Amino acid sequence: MDLLKEDKSVAWTKKAAFGEVRDRAFKAAFAMPQHFSAYAPAFEGILQPGVKVPFPPKWQDIETDYADAIRYVRVSILSYWALGGGINEIQVYPKE
């Protein structure tokens, strides 16, 4: 995540990684393993027990230590799980 000034130059940056190992959902999804061959090759290696998945059960907060005003927030997806690196929602709050 980058905080950008009015001229779109980077004022502050931080890398973050999201996700956690959640095997319970995978065990339930593959209760009938004979259907596993129906998944496309794009899913190979990601539908395995112990694989970190990017949907943790809560919001992910990124705290900043930048105190000046910023104009823009840029989020860059550098890697992704499965078929894409989509973002559902971003909320930006001022420090209190």
Protein backbone atom coordinates (compact mmCIF):
# COMPACT_ATOMS: atom_id res chain seq x y z
CA MET A 1 0.00 0.00 0.00
CA ASP A 2 1.26 3.45 -0.89
CA LEU A 3 0.13 6.82 0.38
CA LEU A 4 0.56 9.42 -2.35
CA LYS A 5 0.88 13.19 -2.25
CA GLU A 6 -1.06 15.59 -4.49
CA ASP A 7 1.55 15.19 -7.26
CA LYS A 8 1.17 11.39 -6.95
CA SER A 9 4.66 10.91 -5.56
CA VAL A 10 4.97 8.25 -2.85
CA ALA A 11 4.92 9.68 0.66
CA TRP A 12 4.77 6.37 2.58
CA THR A 13 4.71 2.69 1.67
CA LYS A 14 4.19 -0.63 3.40
CA LYS A 15 4.04 -4.21 2.16
CA ALA A 16 1.45 -6.50 3.67
CA ALA A 17 0.44 -10.11 3.24
CA PHE A 18 -2.99 -11.46 4.02
CA GLY A 19 -4.43 -14.87 4.62
CA GLU A 20 -4.24 -17.85 6.88
CA VAL A 21 -4.37 -21.62 6.76
CA ARG A 22 -8.01 -22.75 6.86
CA ASP A 23 -8.25 -26.46 6.22
CA ARG A 24 -11.79 -27.04 7.51
CA ALA A 25 -13.43 -25.56 4.41
CA PHE A 26 -11.27 -27.69 2.13
CA LYS A 27 -12.06 -30.88 4.02
CA ALA A 28 -15.78 -30.13 3.67
CA ALA A 29 -15.44 -29.21 -0.03
CA PHE A 30 -13.75 -32.49 -0.84
CA ALA A 31 -16.02 -34.85 1.05
CA MET A 32 -16.48 -36.59 -2.32
CA PRO A 33 -12.93 -36.78 -3.75
CA GLN A 34 -14.14 -38.49 -6.93
CA HIS A 35 -15.27 -35.00 -8.08
CA PHE A 36 -11.83 -33.41 -7.65
CA SER A 37 -10.90 -34.13 -11.28
CA ALA A 38 -13.63 -31.69 -12.35
CA TYR A 39 -11.54 -28.70 -11.27
CA ALA A 40 -9.50 -26.88 -13.92
CA PRO A 41 -5.68 -27.11 -13.93
CA ALA A 42 -5.56 -23.50 -12.65
CA PHE A 43 -6.51 -24.88 -9.22
CA GLU A 44 -3.66 -27.41 -9.08
CA GLY A 45 -1.63 -26.98 -5.88
CA ILE A 46 -3.96 -24.48 -4.24
CA LEU A 47 -6.72 -26.80 -3.11
CA GLN A 48 -4.50 -28.71 -0.72
CA PRO A 49 -4.61 -28.92 3.08
CA GLY A 50 -2.23 -26.45 4.73
CA VAL A 51 -2.28 -23.91 1.89
CA LYS A 52 -2.63 -20.29 3.01
CA VAL A 53 -5.81 -18.75 1.62
CA PRO A 54 -6.45 -14.99 1.34
CA PHE A 55 -9.80 -14.76 3.04
CA PRO A 56 -9.30 -14.51 6.78
CA PRO A 57 -12.42 -14.21 8.94
CA LYS A 58 -12.04 -10.49 9.67
CA TRP A 59 -10.93 -7.13 8.33
CA GLN A 60 -7.20 -6.56 7.91
CA ASP A 61 -5.99 -3.24 9.31
CA ILE A 62 -2.84 -1.55 8.10
CA GLU A 63 -1.65 1.07 10.55
CA THR A 64 0.44 3.96 9.25
CA ASP A 65 3.01 6.11 10.97
CA TYR A 66 2.68 8.90 8.40
CA ALA A 67 1.22 12.09 9.91
CA ASP A 68 1.01 14.52 6.97
CA ALA A 69 -1.94 14.90 4.63
CA ILE A 70 -2.18 12.54 1.67
CA ARG A 71 -4.31 12.70 -1.46
CA TYR A 72 -4.37 9.14 -2.82
CA VAL A 73 -4.08 5.55 -1.63
CA ARG A 74 -2.65 2.98 -4.04
CA VAL A 75 -2.92 -0.77 -3.48
CA SER A 76 -0.73 -2.96 -5.69
CA ILE A 77 -1.46 -6.68 -5.96
CA LEU A 78 1.96 -8.37 -6.21
CA SER A 79 0.81 -11.96 -5.93
CA TYR A 80 -2.51 -13.70 -5.72
CA TRP A 81 -4.23 -16.95 -4.84
CA ALA A 82 -6.16 -18.96 -7.43
CA LEU A 83 -7.51 -16.94 -10.33
CA GLY A 84 -7.07 -13.33 -9.27
CA GLY A 85 -6.09 -10.67 -6.80
CA GLY A 86 -9.40 -8.88 -6.48
CA ILE A 87 -10.16 -6.50 -3.65
CA ASN A 88 -13.60 -6.44 -2.12
CA GLU A 89 -13.46 -3.20 -0.18
CA ILE A 90 -11.00 -0.61 1.11
CA GLN A 91 -11.82 1.86 3.85
CA VAL A 92 -9.53 4.74 4.80
CA TYR A 93 -9.86 6.46 8.17
CA PRO A 94 -8.03 9.50 9.55
CA LYS A 95 -6.04 9.11 12.73
CA GLU A 96 -8.00 10.16 15.77
